[in-house]
């Protein structure tokens, strides 16, 4: 696929189509890899972004209770040691 380099302020950039962004799940950031005469753009996934804040909020509102019983309570874990 061929695409043009465009002027962005005092810099230049590469415009990616909505289709490419969706297909490769590119959101806010990409990792730029320079390798053997190639430039590789790799999506950066942040699936756990802001979890710490959300867990803290759950704890403060006392909404951080277990949803199911301990699944290992009747297991003999000693045999795995």
PDB file of N, CA and C in Angstrom:
ATOM      1  N   UNK A   1       0.839  -1.160   0.000  1.00  0.00           N
ATOM      2  CA  UNK A   1       0.000   0.000   0.000  1.00  0.00           C
ATOM      3  C   UNK A   1       0.894   1.237   0.000  1.00  0.00           C
ATOM      4  N   UNK A   2       0.593   2.172  -0.844  1.00  0.00           N
ATOM      5  CA  UNK A   2       1.340   3.422  -0.903  1.00  0.00           C
ATOM      6  C   UNK A   2       0.514   4.532  -0.279  1.00  0.00           C
ATOM      7  N   UNK A   3       1.183   5.371   0.514  1.00  0.00           N
ATOM      8  CA  UNK A   3       0.512   6.513   1.129  1.00  0.00           C
ATOM      9  C   UNK A   3       1.472   7.695   1.150  1.00  0.00           C
ATOM     10  N   UNK A   4       0.937   8.886   1.270  1.00  0.00           N
ATOM     11  CA  UNK A   4       1.755  10.101   1.230  1.00  0.00           C
ATOM     12  C   UNK A   4       2.120  10.573   2.629  1.00  0.00           C
ATOM     13  N   UNK A   5       3.278  11.206   2.700  1.00  0.00           N
ATOM     14  CA  UNK A   5       3.692  11.887   3.920  1.00  0.00           C
ATOM     15  C   UNK A   5       3.069  13.280   3.857  1.00  0.00           C
ATOM     16  N   UNK A   6       2.422  13.700   4.953  1.00  0.00           N
ATOM     17  CA  UNK A   6       1.716  14.984   4.950  1.00  0.00           C
ATOM     18  C   UNK A   6       2.350  15.947   5.947  1.00  0.00           C
ATOM     19  N   UNK A   7       2.139  17.236   5.717  1.00  0.00           N
ATOM     20  CA  UNK A   7       2.647  18.273   6.616  1.00  0.00           C
ATOM     21  C   UNK A   7       1.684  18.405   7.792  1.00  0.00           C
ATOM     22  N   UNK A   8       2.246  18.390   8.995  1.00  0.00           N
ATOM     23  CA  UNK A   8       1.473  18.576  10.222  1.00  0.00           C
ATOM     24  C   UNK A   8       2.218  19.635  11.034  1.00  0.00           C
ATOM     25  N   UNK A   9       1.778  20.887  10.937  1.00  0.00           N
ATOM     26  CA  UNK A   9       2.488  21.981  11.603  1.00  0.00           C
ATOM     27  C   UNK A   9       3.886  22.105  11.020  1.00  0.00           C
ATOM     28  N   UNK A  10       4.900  22.103  11.884  1.00  0.00           N
ATOM     29  CA  UNK A  10       6.292  22.168  11.427  1.00  0.00           C
ATOM     30  C   UNK A  10       6.871  20.784  11.154  1.00  0.00           C
ATOM     31  N   UNK A  11       6.078  19.759  11.376  1.00  0.00           N
ATOM     32  CA  UNK A  11       6.544  18.383  11.195  1.00  0.00           C
ATOM     33  C   UNK A  11       5.865  17.748   9.990  1.00  0.00           C
ATOM     34  N   UNK A  12       6.151  16.500   9.785  1.00  0.00           N
ATOM     35  CA  UNK A  12       5.471  15.715   8.759  1.00  0.00           C
ATOM     36  C   UNK A  12       4.988  14.439   9.401  1.00  0.00           C
ATOM     37  N   UNK A  13       3.947  13.861   8.834  1.00  0.00           N
ATOM     38  CA  UNK A  13       3.380  12.668   9.435  1.00  0.00           C
ATOM     39  C   UNK A  13       2.769  11.752   8.402  1.00  0.00           C
ATOM     40  N   UNK A  14       2.229  10.695   8.880  1.00  0.00           N
ATOM     41  CA  UNK A  14       1.611   9.670   8.059  1.00  0.00           C
ATOM     42  C   UNK A  14       0.161   9.548   8.497  1.00  0.00           C
ATOM     43  N   UNK A  15      -0.762   9.645   7.589  1.00  0.00           N
ATOM     44  CA  UNK A  15      -2.181   9.527   7.904  1.00  0.00           C
ATOM     45  C   UNK A  15      -2.606   8.085   7.667  1.00  0.00           C
ATOM     46  N   UNK A  16      -3.243   7.494   8.689  1.00  0.00           N
ATOM     47  CA  UNK A  16      -3.745   6.128   8.579  1.00  0.00           C
ATOM     48  C   UNK A  16      -5.262   6.180   8.455  1.00  0.00           C
ATOM     49  N   UNK A  17      -5.800   5.395   7.562  1.00  0.00           N
ATOM     50  CA  UNK A  17      -7.243   5.391   7.341  1.00  0.00           C
ATOM     51  C   UNK A  17      -7.978   4.755   8.517  1.00  0.00           C
ATOM     52  N   UNK A  18      -9.247   5.077   8.634  1.00  0.00           N
ATOM     53  CA  UNK A  18     -10.091   4.512   9.676  1.00  0.00           C
ATOM     54  C   UNK A  18     -10.117   2.985   9.571  1.00  0.00           C
ATOM     55  N   UNK A  19     -10.110   2.477   8.356  1.00  0.00           N
ATOM     56  CA  UNK A  19     -10.131   1.027   8.120  1.00  0.00           C
ATOM     57  C   UNK A  19      -8.891   0.357   8.705  1.00  0.00           C
ATOM     58  N   UNK A  20      -7.729   0.942   8.470  1.00  0.00           N
ATOM     59  CA  UNK A  20      -6.477   0.382   8.990  1.00  0.00           C
ATOM     60  C   UNK A  20      -6.457   0.457  10.514  1.00  0.00           C
ATOM     61  N   UNK A  21      -6.881   1.603  11.063  1.00  0.00           N
ATOM     62  CA  UNK A  21      -6.910   1.766  12.517  1.00  0.00           C
ATOM     63  C   UNK A  21      -7.795   0.711  13.162  1.00  0.00           C
ATOM     64  N   UNK A  22      -8.943   0.460  12.556  1.00  0.00           N
ATOM     65  CA  UNK A  22      -9.877  -0.525  13.107  1.00  0.00           C
ATOM     66  C   UNK A  22      -9.335  -1.951  12.945  1.00  0.00           C
ATOM     67  N   UNK A  23      -8.832  -2.266  11.760  1.00  0.00           N
ATOM     68  CA  UNK A  23      -8.337  -3.623  11.475  1.00  0.00           C
ATOM     69  C   UNK A  23      -7.217  -4.034  12.418  1.00  0.00           C
ATOM     70  N   UNK A  24      -6.314  -3.100  12.737  1.00  0.00           N
ATOM     71  CA  UNK A  24      -5.166  -3.416  13.578  1.00  0.00           C
ATOM     72  C   UNK A  24      -5.330  -2.928  15.016  1.00  0.00           C
ATOM     73  N   UNK A  25      -6.531  -2.486  15.351  1.00  0.00           N
ATOM     74  CA  UNK A  25      -6.869  -2.035  16.699  1.00  0.00           C
ATOM     75  C   UNK A  25      -5.873  -0.994  17.214  1.00  0.00           C
ATOM     76  N   UNK A  26      -5.601   0.001  16.382  1.00  0.00           N
ATOM     77  CA  UNK A  26      -4.708   1.094  16.760  1.00  0.00           C
ATOM     78  C   UNK A  26      -5.565   2.191  17.368  1.00  0.00           C
ATOM     79  N   UNK A  27      -5.223   2.594  18.589  1.00  0.00           N
ATOM     80  CA  UNK A  27      -6.021   3.599  19.287  1.00  0.00           C
ATOM     81  C   UNK A  27      -5.230   4.874  19.478  1.00  0.00           C
ATOM     82  N   UNK A  28      -4.596   5.049  20.629  1.00  0.00           N
ATOM     83  CA  UNK A  28      -3.921   6.307  20.938  1.00  0.00           C
ATOM     84  C   UNK A  28      -2.438   6.312  20.624  1.00  0.00           C
ATOM     85  N   UNK A  29      -1.791   5.163  20.770  1.00  0.00           N
ATOM     86  CA  UNK A  29      -0.341   5.112  20.616  1.00  0.00           C
ATOM     87  C   UNK A  29       0.075   3.895  19.809  1.00  0.00           C
ATOM     88  N   UNK A  30       1.242   4.001  19.179  1.00  0.00           N
ATOM     89  CA  UNK A  30       1.863   2.864  18.503  1.00  0.00           C
ATOM     90  C   UNK A  30       3.327   2.808  18.922  1.00  0.00           C
ATOM     91  N   UNK A  31       3.886   1.628  18.872  1.00  0.00           N
ATOM     92  CA  UNK A  31       5.315   1.464  19.085  1.00  0.00           C
ATOM     93  C   UNK A  31       5.981   1.592  17.724  1.00  0.00           C
ATOM     94  N   UNK A  32       7.004   2.410  17.639  1.00  0.00           N
ATOM     95  CA  UNK A  32       7.735   2.625  16.397  1.00  0.00           C
ATOM     96  C   UNK A  32       9.011   1.790  16.456  1.00  0.00           C
ATOM     97  N   UNK A  33       9.132   0.827  15.551  1.00  0.00           N
ATOM     98  CA  UNK A  33      10.282  -0.077  15.533  1.00  0.00           C
ATOM     99  C   UNK A  33      11.078   0.193  14.256  1.00  0.00           C
ATOM    100  N   UNK A  34      12.358   0.528  14.416  1.00  0.00           N
ATOM    101  CA  UNK A  34      13.247   0.773  13.281  1.00  0.00           C
ATOM    102  C   UNK A  34      14.122  -0.466  13.130  1.00  0.00           C
ATOM    103  N   UNK A  35      13.967  -1.138  11.985  1.00  0.00           N
ATOM    104  CA  UNK A  35      14.620  -2.434  11.838  1.00  0.00           C
ATOM    105  C   UNK A  35      15.015  -2.689  10.386  1.00  0.00           C
ATOM    106  N   UNK A  36      16.295  -2.866  10.129  1.00  0.00           N
ATOM    107  CA  UNK A  36      16.808  -3.260   8.819  1.00  0.00           C
ATOM    108  C   UNK A  36      16.185  -2.482   7.665  1.00  0.00           C
ATOM    109  N   UNK A  37      16.243  -1.154   7.737  1.00  0.00           N
ATOM    110  CA  UNK A  37      15.719  -0.333   6.650  1.00  0.00           C
ATOM    111  C   UNK A  37      14.202  -0.266   6.592  1.00  0.00           C
ATOM    112  N   UNK A  38      13.538  -0.708   7.636  1.00  0.00           N
ATOM    113  CA  UNK A  38      12.080  -0.688   7.688  1.00  0.00           C
ATOM    114  C   UNK A  38      11.606   0.086   8.910  1.00  0.00           C
ATOM    115  N   UNK A  39      10.423   0.652   8.801  1.00  0.00           N
ATOM    116  CA  UNK A  39       9.757   1.259   9.947  1.00  0.00           C
ATOM    117  C   UNK A  39       8.501   0.435  10.197  1.00  0.00           C
ATOM    118  N   UNK A  40       8.387  -0.092  11.404  1.00  0.00           N
ATOM    119  CA  UNK A  40       7.242  -0.930  11.760  1.00  0.00           C
ATOM    120  C   UNK A  40       6.429  -0.207  12.823  1.00  0.00           C
ATOM    121  N   UNK A  41       5.132  -0.092  12.596  1.00  0.00           N
ATOM    122  CA  UNK A  41       4.221   0.472  13.589  1.00  0.00           C
ATOM    123  C   UNK A  41       3.494  -0.680  14.247  1.00  0.00           C
ATOM    124  N   UNK A  42       3.566  -0.741  15.572  1.00  0.00           N
ATOM    125  CA  UNK A  42       2.939  -1.832  16.317  1.00  0.00           C
ATOM    126  C   UNK A  42       1.961  -1.234  17.319  1.00  0.00           C
ATOM    127  N   UNK A  43       0.698  -1.669  17.283  1.00  0.00           N
ATOM    128  CA  UNK A  43      -0.279  -1.138  18.241  1.00  0.00           C
ATOM    129  C   UNK A  43       0.151  -1.397  19.683  1.00  0.00           C
ATOM    130  N   UNK A  44      -0.136  -0.436  20.551  1.00  0.00           N
ATOM    131  CA  UNK A  44       0.115  -0.604  21.979  1.00  0.00           C
ATOM    132  C   UNK A  44      -1.234  -0.791  22.651  1.00  0.00           C
ATOM    133  N   UNK A  45      -1.416  -1.941  23.227  1.00  0.00           N
ATOM    134  CA  UNK A  45      -2.675  -2.226  23.927  1.00  0.00           C
ATOM    135  C   UNK A  45      -2.520  -1.874  25.398  1.00  0.00           C
ATOM    136  N   UNK A  46      -3.535  -1.263  25.963  1.00  0.00           N
ATOM    137  CA  UNK A  46      -3.547  -0.923  27.387  1.00  0.00           C
ATOM    138  C   UNK A  46      -4.830  -1.439  28.020  1.00  0.00           C
ATOM    139  N   UNK A  47      -5.012  -2.757  28.050  1.00  0.00           N
ATOM    140  CA  UNK A  47      -6.284  -3.284  28.536  1.00  0.00           C
ATOM    141  C   UNK A  47      -6.546  -3.016  30.013  1.00  0.00           C
ATOM    142  N   UNK A  48      -5.504  -2.775  30.807  1.00  0.00           N
ATOM    143  CA  UNK A  48      -5.697  -2.571  32.244  1.00  0.00           C
ATOM    144  C   UNK A  48      -5.478  -1.119  32.662  1.00  0.00           C
ATOM    145  N   UNK A  49      -5.533  -0.215  31.704  1.00  0.00           N
ATOM    146  CA  UNK A  49      -5.327   1.203  31.989  1.00  0.00           C
ATOM    147  C   UNK A  49      -6.377   1.690  32.979  1.00  0.00           C
ATOM    148  N   UNK A  50      -5.945   2.417  33.991  1.00  0.00           N
ATOM    149  CA  UNK A  50      -6.805   3.011  35.032  1.00  0.00           C
ATOM    150  C   UNK A  50      -7.417   1.998  35.990  1.00  0.00           C
ATOM    151  N   UNK A  51      -6.990   0.744  35.957  1.00  0.00           N
ATOM    152  CA  UNK A  51      -7.552  -0.250  36.877  1.00  0.00           C
ATOM    153  C   UNK A  51      -7.302   0.151  38.330  1.00  0.00           C
ATOM    154  N   UNK A  52      -6.120   0.694  38.622  1.00  0.00           N
ATOM    155  CA  UNK A  52      -5.782   1.051  39.997  1.00  0.00           C
ATOM    156  C   UNK A  52      -6.799   2.046  40.571  1.00  0.00           C
ATOM    157  N   UNK A  53      -7.153   3.064  39.782  1.00  0.00           N
ATOM    158  CA  UNK A  53      -8.143   4.058  40.221  1.00  0.00           C
ATOM    159  C   UNK A  53      -9.513   3.415  40.431  1.00  0.00           C
ATOM    160  N   UNK A  54      -9.888   2.548  39.512  1.00  0.00           N
ATOM    161  CA  UNK A  54     -11.200   1.906  39.606  1.00  0.00           C
ATOM    162  C   UNK A  54     -11.277   0.964  40.805  1.00  0.00           C
ATOM    163  N   UNK A  55     -10.188   0.226  41.090  1.00  0.00           N
ATOM    164  CA  UNK A  55     -10.163  -0.649  42.258  1.00  0.00           C
ATOM    165  C   UNK A  55     -10.244   0.164  43.545  1.00  0.00           C
ATOM    166  N   UNK A  56      -9.551   1.287  43.580  1.00  0.00           N
ATOM    167  CA  UNK A  56      -9.585   2.146  44.758  1.00  0.00           C
ATOM    168  C   UNK A  56     -11.009   2.662  44.983  1.00  0.00           C
ATOM    169  N   UNK A  57     -11.662   3.076  43.907  1.00  0.00           N
ATOM    170  CA  UNK A  57     -13.040   3.579  44.008  1.00  0.00           C
ATOM    171  C   UNK A  57     -13.980   2.455  44.488  1.00  0.00           C
ATOM    172  N   UNK A  58     -13.796   1.241  43.962  1.00  0.00           N
ATOM    173  CA  UNK A  58     -14.610   0.105  44.401  1.00  0.00           C
ATOM    174  C   UNK A  58     -14.412  -0.154  45.892  1.00  0.00           C
ATOM    175  N   UNK A  59     -13.155  -0.076  46.347  1.00  0.00           N
ATOM    176  CA  UNK A  59     -12.866  -0.307  47.753  1.00  0.00           C
ATOM    177  C   UNK A  59     -13.512   0.765  48.627  1.00  0.00           C
ATOM    178  N   UNK A  60     -13.415   2.010  48.207  1.00  0.00           N
ATOM    179  CA  UNK A  60     -14.003   3.111  48.972  1.00  0.00           C
ATOM    180  C   UNK A  60     -15.520   2.987  49.067  1.00  0.00           C
ATOM    181  N   UNK A  61     -16.151   2.475  48.031  1.00  0.00           N
ATOM    182  CA  UNK A  61     -17.611   2.323  48.050  1.00  0.00           C
ATOM    183  C   UNK A  61     -18.031   0.940  48.574  1.00  0.00           C
ATOM    184  N   UNK A  62     -17.044   0.179  49.068  1.00  0.00           N
ATOM    185  CA  UNK A  62     -17.263  -1.174  49.608  1.00  0.00           C
ATOM    186  C   UNK A  62     -17.946  -2.091  48.590  1.00  0.00           C
ATOM    187  N   UNK A  63     -17.533  -1.947  47.353  1.00  0.00           N
ATOM    188  CA  UNK A  63     -18.100  -2.746  46.266  1.00  0.00           C
ATOM    189  C   UNK A  63     -17.080  -3.769  45.742  1.00  0.00           C
ATOM    190  N   UNK A  64     -16.090  -4.104  46.558  1.00  0.00           N
ATOM    191  CA  UNK A  64     -15.040  -5.023  46.112  1.00  0.00           C
ATOM    192  C   UNK A  64     -15.137  -6.374  46.814  1.00  0.00           C
ATOM    193  N   UNK A  65     -16.323  -6.913  46.849  1.00  0.00           N
ATOM    194  CA  UNK A  65     -16.564  -8.213  47.477  1.00  0.00           C
ATOM    195  C   UNK A  65     -16.383  -9.340  46.456  1.00  0.00           C
ATOM    196  N   UNK A  66     -16.040 -10.521  46.958  1.00  0.00           N
ATOM    197  CA  UNK A  66     -15.926 -11.681  46.078  1.00  0.00           C
ATOM    198  C   UNK A  66     -17.295 -12.018  45.496  1.00  0.00           C
ATOM    199  N   UNK A  67     -17.330 -12.358  44.238  1.00  0.00           N
ATOM    200  CA  UNK A  67     -18.584 -12.706  43.576  1.00  0.00           C
ATOM    201  C   UNK A  67     -18.863 -14.208  43.615  1.00  0.00           C
ATOM    202  N   UNK A  68     -17.840 -14.983  43.969  1.00  0.00           N
ATOM    203  CA  UNK A  68     -18.027 -16.427  44.079  1.00  0.00           C
ATOM    204  C   UNK A  68     -17.159 -16.942  45.219  1.00  0.00           C
ATOM    205  N   UNK A  69     -17.510 -18.082  45.736  1.00  0.00           N
ATOM    206  CA  UNK A  69     -16.739 -18.672  46.828  1.00  0.00           C
ATOM    207  C   UNK A  69     -15.349 -19.047  46.355  1.00  0.00           C
ATOM    208  N   UNK A  70     -14.477 -19.221  47.315  1.00  0.00           N
ATOM    209  CA  UNK A  70     -13.121 -19.638  47.014  1.00  0.00           C
ATOM    210  C   UNK A  70     -13.156 -20.991  46.312  1.00  0.00           C
ATOM    211  N   UNK A  71     -12.719 -21.050  45.092  1.00  0.00           N
ATOM    212  CA  UNK A  71     -12.805 -22.291  44.312  1.00  0.00           C
ATOM    213  C   UNK A  71     -11.816 -23.352  44.790  1.00  0.00           C
ATOM    214  N   UNK A  72     -10.843 -22.956  45.610  1.00  0.00           N
ATOM    215  CA  UNK A  72      -9.837 -23.904  46.077  1.00  0.00           C
ATOM    216  C   UNK A  72     -10.051 -24.331  47.527  1.00  0.00           C
ATOM    217  N   UNK A  73     -11.152 -23.953  48.143  1.00  0.00           N
ATOM    218  CA  UNK A  73     -11.311 -24.234  49.566  1.00  0.00           C
ATOM    219  C   UNK A  73     -11.360 -25.725  49.889  1.00  0.00           C
ATOM    220  N   UNK A  74     -11.784 -26.556  48.970  1.00  0.00           N
ATOM    221  CA  UNK A  74     -11.831 -27.989  49.241  1.00  0.00           C
ATOM    222  C   UNK A  74     -10.698 -28.755  48.551  1.00  0.00           C
ATOM    223  N   UNK A  75      -9.741 -28.036  48.001  1.00  0.00           N
ATOM    224  CA  UNK A  75      -8.606 -28.668  47.328  1.00  0.00           C
ATOM    225  C   UNK A  75      -7.502 -28.966  48.321  1.00  0.00           C
ATOM    226  N   UNK A  76      -6.768 -30.040  48.067  1.00  0.00           N
ATOM    227  CA  UNK A  76      -5.596 -30.363  48.842  1.00  0.00           C
ATOM    228  C   UNK A  76      -4.393 -29.779  48.112  1.00  0.00           C
ATOM    229  N   UNK A  77      -4.029 -28.562  48.475  1.00  0.00           N
ATOM    230  CA  UNK A  77      -2.952 -27.863  47.776  1.00  0.00           C
ATOM    231  C   UNK A  77      -1.575 -28.370  48.181  1.00  0.00           C
ATOM    232  N   UNK A  78      -1.490 -29.094  49.280  1.00  0.00           N
ATOM    233  CA  UNK A  78      -0.194 -29.618  49.746  1.00  0.00           C
ATOM    234  C   UNK A  78       0.450 -30.543  48.727  1.00  0.00           C
ATOM    235  N   UNK A  79      -0.370 -31.274  47.968  1.00  0.00           N
ATOM    236  CA  UNK A  79       0.206 -32.222  47.009  1.00  0.00           C
ATOM    237  C   UNK A  79       0.906 -31.528  45.840  1.00  0.00           C
ATOM    238  N   UNK A  80       0.686 -30.220  45.681  1.00  0.00           N
ATOM    239  CA  UNK A  80       1.309 -29.468  44.603  1.00  0.00           C
ATOM    240  C   UNK A  80       2.620 -28.821  45.042  1.00  0.00           C
ATOM    241  N   UNK A  81       2.904 -28.872  46.317  1.00  0.00           N
ATOM    242  CA  UNK A  81       4.109 -28.199  46.832  1.00  0.00           C
ATOM    243  C   UNK A  81       5.316 -29.092  46.704  1.00  0.00           C
TER     244      UNK A  81
END
